[in-house]
Protein backbone atom coordinates (compact mmCIF):
# COMPACT_ATOMS: atom_id res chain seq x y z
CA MET A 1 40.82 -98.76 -34.02
CA SER A 2 38.79 -98.66 -30.84
CA GLY A 3 35.89 -101.04 -31.28
CA ILE A 4 32.34 -99.80 -31.06
CA VAL A 5 31.73 -96.07 -30.70
CA VAL A 6 28.22 -94.79 -30.03
CA VAL A 7 27.24 -91.28 -31.12
CA SER A 8 23.98 -89.73 -29.98
CA GLY A 9 23.04 -86.76 -32.13
CA ASN A 10 20.23 -85.64 -29.86
CA PRO A 11 20.73 -82.03 -28.70
CA ARG A 12 19.72 -83.21 -25.21
CA ALA A 13 22.21 -85.55 -23.53
CA GLY A 14 20.65 -88.59 -21.88
CA SER A 15 17.66 -88.65 -24.24
CA ARG A 16 15.63 -91.70 -25.23
CA THR A 17 17.56 -91.68 -28.49
CA SER A 18 20.77 -91.92 -26.45
CA VAL A 19 19.36 -94.84 -24.50
CA LEU A 20 18.51 -96.63 -27.74
CA ALA A 21 21.98 -95.91 -29.17
CA ALA A 22 23.64 -97.31 -26.04
CA ALA A 23 21.43 -100.42 -26.24
CA VAL A 24 22.47 -100.99 -29.86
CA GLY A 25 26.13 -100.55 -28.91
CA ALA A 26 25.72 -103.04 -26.06
CA ALA A 27 23.90 -105.55 -28.27
CA LEU A 28 26.71 -105.36 -30.83
CA GLY A 29 29.34 -106.16 -28.22
CA GLY A 30 29.70 -103.14 -25.95
CA ALA A 31 30.77 -99.60 -26.70
CA SER A 32 34.34 -98.54 -26.06
CA ALA A 33 33.34 -94.87 -26.26
CA THR A 34 30.18 -92.78 -26.28
CA VAL A 35 29.78 -89.31 -27.74
CA GLU A 36 26.80 -87.22 -26.61
CA VAL A 37 26.86 -84.47 -29.22
CA GLY A 38 24.43 -82.32 -27.22
CA ALA A 39 26.86 -82.30 -24.29
CA LEU A 40 29.53 -80.64 -26.44
CA GLY A 41 27.51 -77.43 -26.34
CA PRO A 42 29.09 -74.29 -27.82
CA GLY A 43 32.42 -76.11 -28.06
CA LEU A 44 31.04 -77.88 -31.10
CA LEU A 45 31.43 -74.57 -32.95
CA THR A 46 34.65 -73.46 -31.26
CA PRO A 47 37.88 -74.16 -33.16
CA GLY A 48 40.32 -76.06 -30.98
CA ASP A 49 37.72 -77.20 -28.44
CA GLU A 50 39.26 -80.20 -26.66
CA ALA A 51 36.01 -82.12 -26.04
CA THR A 52 34.95 -81.75 -29.67
CA ALA A 53 38.40 -82.80 -30.88
CA ALA A 54 38.20 -85.89 -28.65
CA ALA A 55 34.74 -86.69 -30.02
CA VAL A 56 35.95 -86.39 -33.62
CA ALA A 57 38.97 -88.58 -32.80
CA ALA A 58 36.72 -91.24 -31.25
CA VAL A 59 34.48 -91.24 -34.33
CA ARG A 60 37.47 -91.55 -36.67
CA ASP A 61 38.98 -94.35 -34.58
CA ALA A 62 35.86 -96.55 -34.49
CA GLU A 63 35.65 -99.99 -36.05
CA VAL A 64 31.86 -99.91 -35.69
CA LEU A 65 30.10 -96.55 -35.40
CA VAL A 66 26.54 -96.47 -34.06
CA VAL A 67 25.10 -93.08 -35.03
CA ALA A 68 21.70 -92.27 -33.55
CA THR A 69 19.49 -89.23 -34.06
CA PRO A 70 15.92 -88.17 -33.57
CA THR A 71 14.18 -86.90 -36.68
CA TYR A 72 14.19 -83.10 -36.87
CA LYS A 73 12.46 -81.43 -39.81
CA GLY A 74 12.53 -84.70 -41.75
CA SER A 75 16.23 -85.44 -41.26
CA TYR A 76 19.01 -85.89 -38.70
CA THR A 77 19.76 -83.14 -36.19
CA GLY A 78 21.84 -80.09 -36.96
CA VAL A 79 24.24 -80.76 -34.06
CA LEU A 80 24.99 -84.20 -35.48
CA LYS A 81 25.66 -82.66 -38.90
CA VAL A 82 27.98 -80.07 -37.34
CA LEU A 83 30.00 -82.84 -35.68
CA LEU A 84 30.18 -84.97 -38.82
CA ASP A 85 31.08 -81.92 -40.94
CA GLN A 86 34.38 -81.78 -39.04
CA LEU A 87 35.45 -85.05 -40.66
CA PRO A 88 37.48 -84.89 -43.87
CA ALA A 89 36.48 -86.80 -47.00
CA ASN A 90 36.64 -90.59 -46.56
CA ALA A 91 37.39 -90.23 -42.84
CA LEU A 92 35.15 -93.23 -42.16
CA ALA A 93 36.71 -95.54 -44.75
CA GLY A 94 36.96 -99.00 -43.19
CA VAL A 95 34.36 -98.17 -40.54
CA ARG A 96 31.08 -100.08 -40.38
CA ALA A 97 28.33 -97.58 -39.54
CA VAL A 98 24.91 -98.31 -38.04
CA PRO A 99 22.36 -95.53 -38.59
CA VAL A 100 19.73 -95.44 -35.81
CA VAL A 101 16.86 -93.00 -36.23
CA THR A 102 13.83 -92.23 -34.07
CA ALA A 103 10.67 -90.44 -35.17
CA GLY A 104 7.00 -90.09 -34.35
CA VAL A 105 5.90 -92.34 -37.22
CA ALA A 106 7.61 -95.04 -39.27
CA PRO A 107 7.70 -93.21 -42.63
CA GLN A 108 9.52 -90.27 -41.01
CA ALA A 109 12.04 -92.58 -39.33
CA GLU A 110 12.66 -94.50 -42.54
CA ALA A 111 13.12 -91.33 -44.61
CA ALA A 112 15.55 -89.81 -42.10
CA ALA A 113 17.42 -93.13 -41.87
CA LYS A 114 18.02 -93.00 -45.63
CA LEU A 115 19.43 -89.49 -45.34
CA LEU A 116 21.71 -90.45 -42.45
CA SER A 117 22.85 -93.55 -44.34
CA GLN A 118 23.73 -91.38 -47.34
CA LEU A 119 25.74 -88.98 -45.16
CA LEU A 120 27.69 -91.80 -43.52
CA GLY A 121 28.35 -93.37 -46.92
CA GLU A 122 29.54 -90.02 -48.25
CA LEU A 123 32.14 -90.05 -45.45
CA GLY A 124 33.37 -93.44 -46.68
CA ALA A 125 31.71 -95.75 -44.15
CA THR A 126 30.37 -99.17 -45.01
CA VAL A 127 26.78 -98.53 -43.99
CA LEU A 128 24.93 -101.41 -42.37
CA PRO A 129 21.14 -101.68 -42.47
CA ALA A 130 19.51 -98.80 -40.61
CA LEU A 131 17.40 -99.16 -37.50
CA PRO A 132 14.43 -96.78 -37.78
CA VAL A 133 12.36 -96.73 -34.57
CA VAL A 134 9.07 -95.02 -33.77
CA GLU A 135 8.89 -93.15 -30.47
CA ALA A 136 6.12 -95.39 -29.15
CA ASP A 137 8.60 -98.31 -29.21
CA LEU A 138 11.45 -96.57 -27.38
CA GLY A 139 10.47 -98.23 -24.10
CA GLU A 140 11.62 -101.48 -25.69
CA SER A 141 15.10 -100.23 -26.65
CA ALA A 142 17.02 -103.24 -25.31
CA ALA A 143 14.74 -105.73 -27.08
CA LEU A 144 14.86 -103.76 -30.34
CA ALA A 145 18.65 -103.59 -30.14
CA GLY A 146 18.89 -107.30 -29.44
CA ARG A 147 16.73 -108.19 -32.41
CA TYR A 148 18.72 -105.83 -34.62
CA ALA A 149 22.07 -107.35 -33.56
CA ALA A 150 20.71 -110.87 -34.06
CA ALA A 151 19.51 -109.99 -37.57
CA LEU A 152 22.97 -108.62 -38.45
CA ALA A 153 24.62 -111.79 -37.19
CA ALA A 154 22.29 -114.05 -39.18
């Protein structure tokens, strides 16, 4: 097990969603690994791609998995789904997963967070309360992450 692993499912590496995900990982104790799914590019669909295999291994090896995504068409991103589809059944058993979802408005974020929570649970993770965030609040990522971590610890 390798501690806290942060996964950003934004197709664009370095996005505001990625910044929020990193802040949550830091607030929970510091990430030992970060996976920017968008940076995997075409390798995500290429059998045997080394970077994708390393990303899947990091996800499987996590004790705590912070999975962040913007809301696309009412759900998580397709690139995130492609990465998570490479995990076998129950691959996340014993892993505590934190779904983090961003959207333009709260109802969209909350709905997508439920879908991401279901997906992570389907993979066997113990899913912690989700952190749905509206885009207008992304400038406060560190404060949001701190409050989230404090609420989990309470």
